[in-house]
N, C-alpha and C. Protein backbone atom coordinates (compact mmCIF):
# COMPACT_ATOMS: atom_id res chain seq x y z
N UNK A 1 0.84 -1.18 0.00
CA UNK A 1 0.00 0.00 0.00
C UNK A 1 0.89 1.25 0.00
N UNK A 2 0.65 2.16 -0.91
CA UNK A 2 1.47 3.37 -1.06
C UNK A 2 1.38 4.26 0.18
N UNK A 3 0.20 4.35 0.78
CA UNK A 3 0.05 5.20 1.97
C UNK A 3 0.89 4.66 3.12
N UNK A 4 0.89 3.36 3.33
CA UNK A 4 1.71 2.77 4.40
C UNK A 4 3.19 3.04 4.17
N UNK A 5 3.63 2.92 2.93
CA UNK A 5 5.04 3.17 2.61
C UNK A 5 5.41 4.62 2.92
N UNK A 6 4.57 5.54 2.52
CA UNK A 6 4.84 6.96 2.79
C UNK A 6 4.88 7.23 4.29
N UNK A 7 3.93 6.65 5.02
CA UNK A 7 3.87 6.87 6.46
C UNK A 7 5.06 6.26 7.19
N UNK A 8 5.54 5.12 6.70
CA UNK A 8 6.69 4.46 7.32
C UNK A 8 7.99 5.21 7.08
N UNK A 9 8.07 5.91 5.96
CA UNK A 9 9.33 6.55 5.56
C UNK A 9 9.41 8.04 5.86
N UNK A 10 8.29 8.66 6.24
CA UNK A 10 8.26 10.11 6.45
C UNK A 10 7.58 10.45 7.76
N UNK A 11 7.88 11.65 8.22
CA UNK A 11 7.22 12.15 9.43
C UNK A 11 6.22 13.22 9.00
N UNK A 12 4.98 13.09 9.47
CA UNK A 12 3.93 14.04 9.14
C UNK A 12 3.44 14.71 10.42
N UNK A 13 3.01 15.96 10.31
CA UNK A 13 2.47 16.68 11.46
C UNK A 13 1.03 16.29 11.73
N UNK A 14 0.31 15.82 10.70
CA UNK A 14 -1.11 15.50 10.80
C UNK A 14 -1.48 14.57 9.65
N UNK A 15 -2.39 13.63 9.92
CA UNK A 15 -2.86 12.72 8.89
C UNK A 15 -4.38 12.76 8.85
N UNK A 16 -4.93 12.98 7.65
CA UNK A 16 -6.37 12.88 7.43
C UNK A 16 -6.64 11.56 6.73
N UNK A 17 -7.64 10.82 7.19
CA UNK A 17 -8.01 9.54 6.58
C UNK A 17 -9.50 9.49 6.33
N UNK A 18 -9.87 8.77 5.29
CA UNK A 18 -11.26 8.41 5.07
C UNK A 18 -11.39 6.95 5.49
N UNK A 19 -12.58 6.51 5.82
CA UNK A 19 -12.78 5.11 6.16
C UNK A 19 -12.76 4.26 4.91
N UNK A 20 -13.48 4.69 3.88
CA UNK A 20 -13.60 3.93 2.65
C UNK A 20 -12.45 4.26 1.70
N UNK A 21 -11.51 3.31 1.62
CA UNK A 21 -10.36 3.48 0.73
C UNK A 21 -10.14 2.15 0.01
N UNK A 22 -9.53 2.18 -1.15
CA UNK A 22 -9.28 0.93 -1.87
C UNK A 22 -8.19 0.09 -1.18
N UNK A 23 -8.41 -1.20 -1.12
CA UNK A 23 -7.40 -2.11 -0.59
C UNK A 23 -7.45 -2.31 0.91
N UNK A 24 -7.40 -1.23 1.65
CA UNK A 24 -7.39 -1.29 3.11
C UNK A 24 -8.26 -0.15 3.63
N UNK A 25 -9.14 -0.44 4.58
CA UNK A 25 -9.98 0.67 5.08
C UNK A 25 -9.18 1.55 6.03
N UNK A 26 -9.71 2.71 6.30
CA UNK A 26 -9.02 3.69 7.13
C UNK A 26 -8.75 3.22 8.54
N UNK A 27 -9.66 2.42 9.10
CA UNK A 27 -9.45 1.90 10.46
C UNK A 27 -8.21 1.02 10.50
N UNK A 28 -8.07 0.15 9.51
CA UNK A 28 -6.90 -0.74 9.44
C UNK A 28 -5.62 0.07 9.23
N UNK A 29 -5.68 1.06 8.35
CA UNK A 29 -4.52 1.89 8.09
C UNK A 29 -4.10 2.64 9.34
N UNK A 30 -5.06 3.19 10.06
CA UNK A 30 -4.75 3.92 11.28
C UNK A 30 -4.10 3.01 12.32
N UNK A 31 -4.64 1.81 12.49
CA UNK A 31 -4.06 0.85 13.42
C UNK A 31 -2.62 0.52 13.03
N UNK A 32 -2.37 0.33 11.75
CA UNK A 32 -1.02 -0.01 11.29
C UNK A 32 -0.06 1.17 11.41
N UNK A 33 -0.54 2.38 11.09
CA UNK A 33 0.38 3.53 11.16
C UNK A 33 0.81 3.80 12.59
N UNK A 34 -0.01 3.46 13.57
CA UNK A 34 0.36 3.66 14.97
C UNK A 34 1.53 2.79 15.40
N UNK A 35 1.86 1.76 14.61
CA UNK A 35 3.00 0.90 14.94
C UNK A 35 4.32 1.49 14.47
N UNK A 36 4.28 2.50 13.60
CA UNK A 36 5.51 3.12 13.09
C UNK A 36 6.00 4.16 14.09
N UNK A 37 7.30 4.14 14.41
CA UNK A 37 7.83 5.14 15.34
C UNK A 37 7.56 6.58 14.90
N UNK A 38 7.57 6.83 13.58
CA UNK A 38 7.36 8.19 13.08
C UNK A 38 5.90 8.64 13.21
N UNK A 39 4.98 7.71 13.46
CA UNK A 39 3.55 8.04 13.49
C UNK A 39 2.86 7.70 14.82
N UNK A 40 3.62 7.25 15.78
CA UNK A 40 2.97 6.77 17.01
C UNK A 40 2.17 7.87 17.72
N UNK A 41 2.60 9.11 17.56
CA UNK A 41 1.89 10.22 18.22
C UNK A 41 1.35 11.25 17.24
N UNK A 42 1.44 10.97 15.96
CA UNK A 42 0.93 11.90 14.94
C UNK A 42 -0.59 11.99 15.04
N UNK A 43 -1.14 13.19 15.11
CA UNK A 43 -2.61 13.31 15.14
C UNK A 43 -3.23 12.75 13.87
N UNK A 44 -4.29 11.96 14.03
CA UNK A 44 -5.02 11.38 12.92
C UNK A 44 -6.49 11.79 13.02
N UNK A 45 -7.00 12.36 11.94
CA UNK A 45 -8.40 12.79 11.90
C UNK A 45 -9.09 12.08 10.75
N UNK A 46 -10.18 11.38 11.06
CA UNK A 46 -10.99 10.77 10.01
C UNK A 46 -11.95 11.82 9.47
N UNK A 47 -12.08 11.88 8.15
CA UNK A 47 -13.06 12.71 7.47
C UNK A 47 -13.92 11.72 6.68
N UNK A 48 -15.14 11.51 7.13
CA UNK A 48 -15.94 10.42 6.58
C UNK A 48 -17.43 10.72 6.59
N UNK A 49 -18.14 10.04 5.74
CA UNK A 49 -19.59 10.14 5.71
C UNK A 49 -20.24 9.20 6.70
N UNK A 50 -19.44 8.34 7.33
CA UNK A 50 -19.97 7.40 8.32
C UNK A 50 -20.07 8.10 9.68
N UNK A 51 -21.27 8.33 10.14
CA UNK A 51 -21.45 9.09 11.38
C UNK A 51 -22.09 8.28 12.50
N UNK A 52 -22.31 6.98 12.25
CA UNK A 52 -22.95 6.15 13.28
C UNK A 52 -21.99 5.93 14.46
N UNK A 53 -22.55 5.49 15.58
CA UNK A 53 -21.76 5.29 16.79
C UNK A 53 -20.64 4.27 16.57
N UNK A 54 -20.94 3.18 15.86
CA UNK A 54 -19.93 2.14 15.65
C UNK A 54 -18.71 2.70 14.90
N UNK A 55 -18.94 3.52 13.89
CA UNK A 55 -17.82 4.11 13.14
C UNK A 55 -17.02 5.06 14.01
N UNK A 56 -17.71 5.84 14.82
CA UNK A 56 -17.00 6.75 15.73
C UNK A 56 -16.17 5.96 16.74
N UNK A 57 -16.75 4.90 17.28
CA UNK A 57 -16.03 4.06 18.23
C UNK A 57 -14.82 3.39 17.56
N UNK A 58 -15.02 2.87 16.36
CA UNK A 58 -13.91 2.21 15.65
C UNK A 58 -12.79 3.18 15.33
N UNK A 59 -13.14 4.44 15.03
CA UNK A 59 -12.08 5.42 14.76
C UNK A 59 -11.22 5.63 16.00
N UNK A 60 -11.85 5.73 17.14
CA UNK A 60 -11.11 5.90 18.39
C UNK A 60 -10.29 4.65 18.72
N UNK A 61 -10.90 3.48 18.58
CA UNK A 61 -10.20 2.23 18.89
C UNK A 61 -9.03 1.96 17.94
N UNK A 62 -9.09 2.50 16.73
CA UNK A 62 -7.99 2.31 15.78
C UNK A 62 -6.83 3.26 16.05
N UNK A 63 -7.05 4.24 16.94
CA UNK A 63 -5.97 5.15 17.30
C UNK A 63 -6.15 6.57 16.80
N UNK A 64 -7.29 6.87 16.19
CA UNK A 64 -7.52 8.23 15.68
C UNK A 64 -7.76 9.21 16.83
N UNK A 65 -7.48 10.47 16.56
CA UNK A 65 -7.69 11.52 17.54
C UNK A 65 -9.03 12.21 17.40
N UNK A 66 -9.62 12.16 16.20
CA UNK A 66 -10.85 12.91 15.98
C UNK A 66 -11.55 12.36 14.74
N UNK A 67 -12.80 12.78 14.56
CA UNK A 67 -13.58 12.41 13.40
C UNK A 67 -14.43 13.59 12.98
N UNK A 68 -14.39 13.92 11.71
CA UNK A 68 -15.21 14.98 11.14
C UNK A 68 -16.17 14.32 10.16
N UNK A 69 -17.46 14.59 10.33
CA UNK A 69 -18.48 13.98 9.47
C UNK A 69 -18.70 14.83 8.22
N UNK A 70 -18.85 14.15 7.09
CA UNK A 70 -19.19 14.81 5.84
C UNK A 70 -20.70 15.01 5.81
N UNK A 71 -21.21 16.06 5.26
CA UNK A 71 -20.47 17.20 4.73
C UNK A 71 -19.93 18.03 5.90
N UNK A 72 -18.81 18.68 5.67
CA UNK A 72 -18.18 19.48 6.72
C UNK A 72 -17.90 20.87 6.19
N UNK A 73 -17.67 21.77 7.12
CA UNK A 73 -17.27 23.13 6.76
C UNK A 73 -15.74 23.17 6.72
N UNK A 74 -15.18 23.84 5.73
CA UNK A 74 -13.73 23.93 5.66
C UNK A 74 -13.15 24.61 6.89
N UNK A 75 -13.91 25.53 7.48
CA UNK A 75 -13.45 26.19 8.70
C UNK A 75 -13.30 25.17 9.84
N UNK A 76 -14.24 24.23 9.93
CA UNK A 76 -14.16 23.18 10.95
C UNK A 76 -12.90 22.34 10.74
N UNK A 77 -12.63 21.99 9.50
CA UNK A 77 -11.45 21.21 9.17
C UNK A 77 -10.18 21.97 9.57
N UNK A 78 -10.13 23.24 9.25
CA UNK A 78 -8.96 24.07 9.57
C UNK A 78 -8.77 24.21 11.08
N UNK A 79 -9.84 24.46 11.80
CA UNK A 79 -9.75 24.63 13.26
C UNK A 79 -9.27 23.34 13.92
N UNK A 80 -9.84 22.22 13.51
CA UNK A 80 -9.43 20.94 14.10
C UNK A 80 -7.98 20.62 13.74
N UNK A 81 -7.57 20.90 12.52
CA UNK A 81 -6.19 20.65 12.12
C UNK A 81 -5.22 21.48 12.97
N UNK A 82 -5.48 22.75 13.10
CA UNK A 82 -4.61 23.63 13.89
C UNK A 82 -4.59 23.19 15.35
N UNK A 83 -5.75 22.86 15.89
CA UNK A 83 -5.84 22.43 17.28
C UNK A 83 -5.00 21.19 17.54
N UNK A 84 -5.14 20.19 16.68
CA UNK A 84 -4.40 18.95 16.89
C UNK A 84 -2.90 19.12 16.66
N UNK A 85 -2.51 19.92 15.69
CA UNK A 85 -1.08 20.16 15.46
C UNK A 85 -0.46 20.89 16.64
N UNK A 86 -1.12 21.94 17.12
CA UNK A 86 -0.59 22.68 18.27
C UNK A 86 -0.54 21.82 19.52
N UNK A 87 -1.58 21.03 19.75
CA UNK A 87 -1.61 20.14 20.91
C UNK A 87 -0.45 19.15 20.86
N UNK A 88 -0.19 18.59 19.69
CA UNK A 88 0.91 17.63 19.53
C UNK A 88 2.27 18.31 19.74
N UNK A 89 2.42 19.53 19.25
CA UNK A 89 3.67 20.25 19.42
C UNK A 89 3.93 20.62 20.88
N UNK A 90 2.88 20.96 21.59
CA UNK A 90 3.03 21.27 23.01
C UNK A 90 3.37 20.02 23.84
N UNK A 91 2.82 18.89 23.45
CA UNK A 91 3.07 17.64 24.17
C UNK A 91 4.46 17.08 23.88
N UNK A 92 4.96 17.30 22.67
CA UNK A 92 6.23 16.71 22.25
C UNK A 92 6.99 17.69 21.36
N UNK A 93 7.55 18.76 21.93
CA UNK A 93 8.24 19.76 21.10
C UNK A 93 9.49 19.15 20.44
N UNK A 94 9.63 19.41 19.15
CA UNK A 94 10.80 18.92 18.40
C UNK A 94 11.88 20.01 18.40
N UNK A 95 13.12 19.55 18.35
CA UNK A 95 14.22 20.56 18.28
C UNK A 95 14.24 21.30 16.98
């Protein structure tokens, strides 16, 4: 999977995932990316049309930090992105 390769080889400040993806769903990808040292604490936000309780619970259990339901406002996306990036930087400041 190209996404797994990129996540294993690079450090990202934030990752957005959808649940429905070809080959591997977002829950599986999130669980796997949490095993990489470069992604163990990277904020992960699901952006998905699945808004039922089970999907929300699975996003949390897979290691995600948040979930935004479609349709969404771009302002909501921006605010959540900034919030999670700043929170991560405060918890683990890089040199």
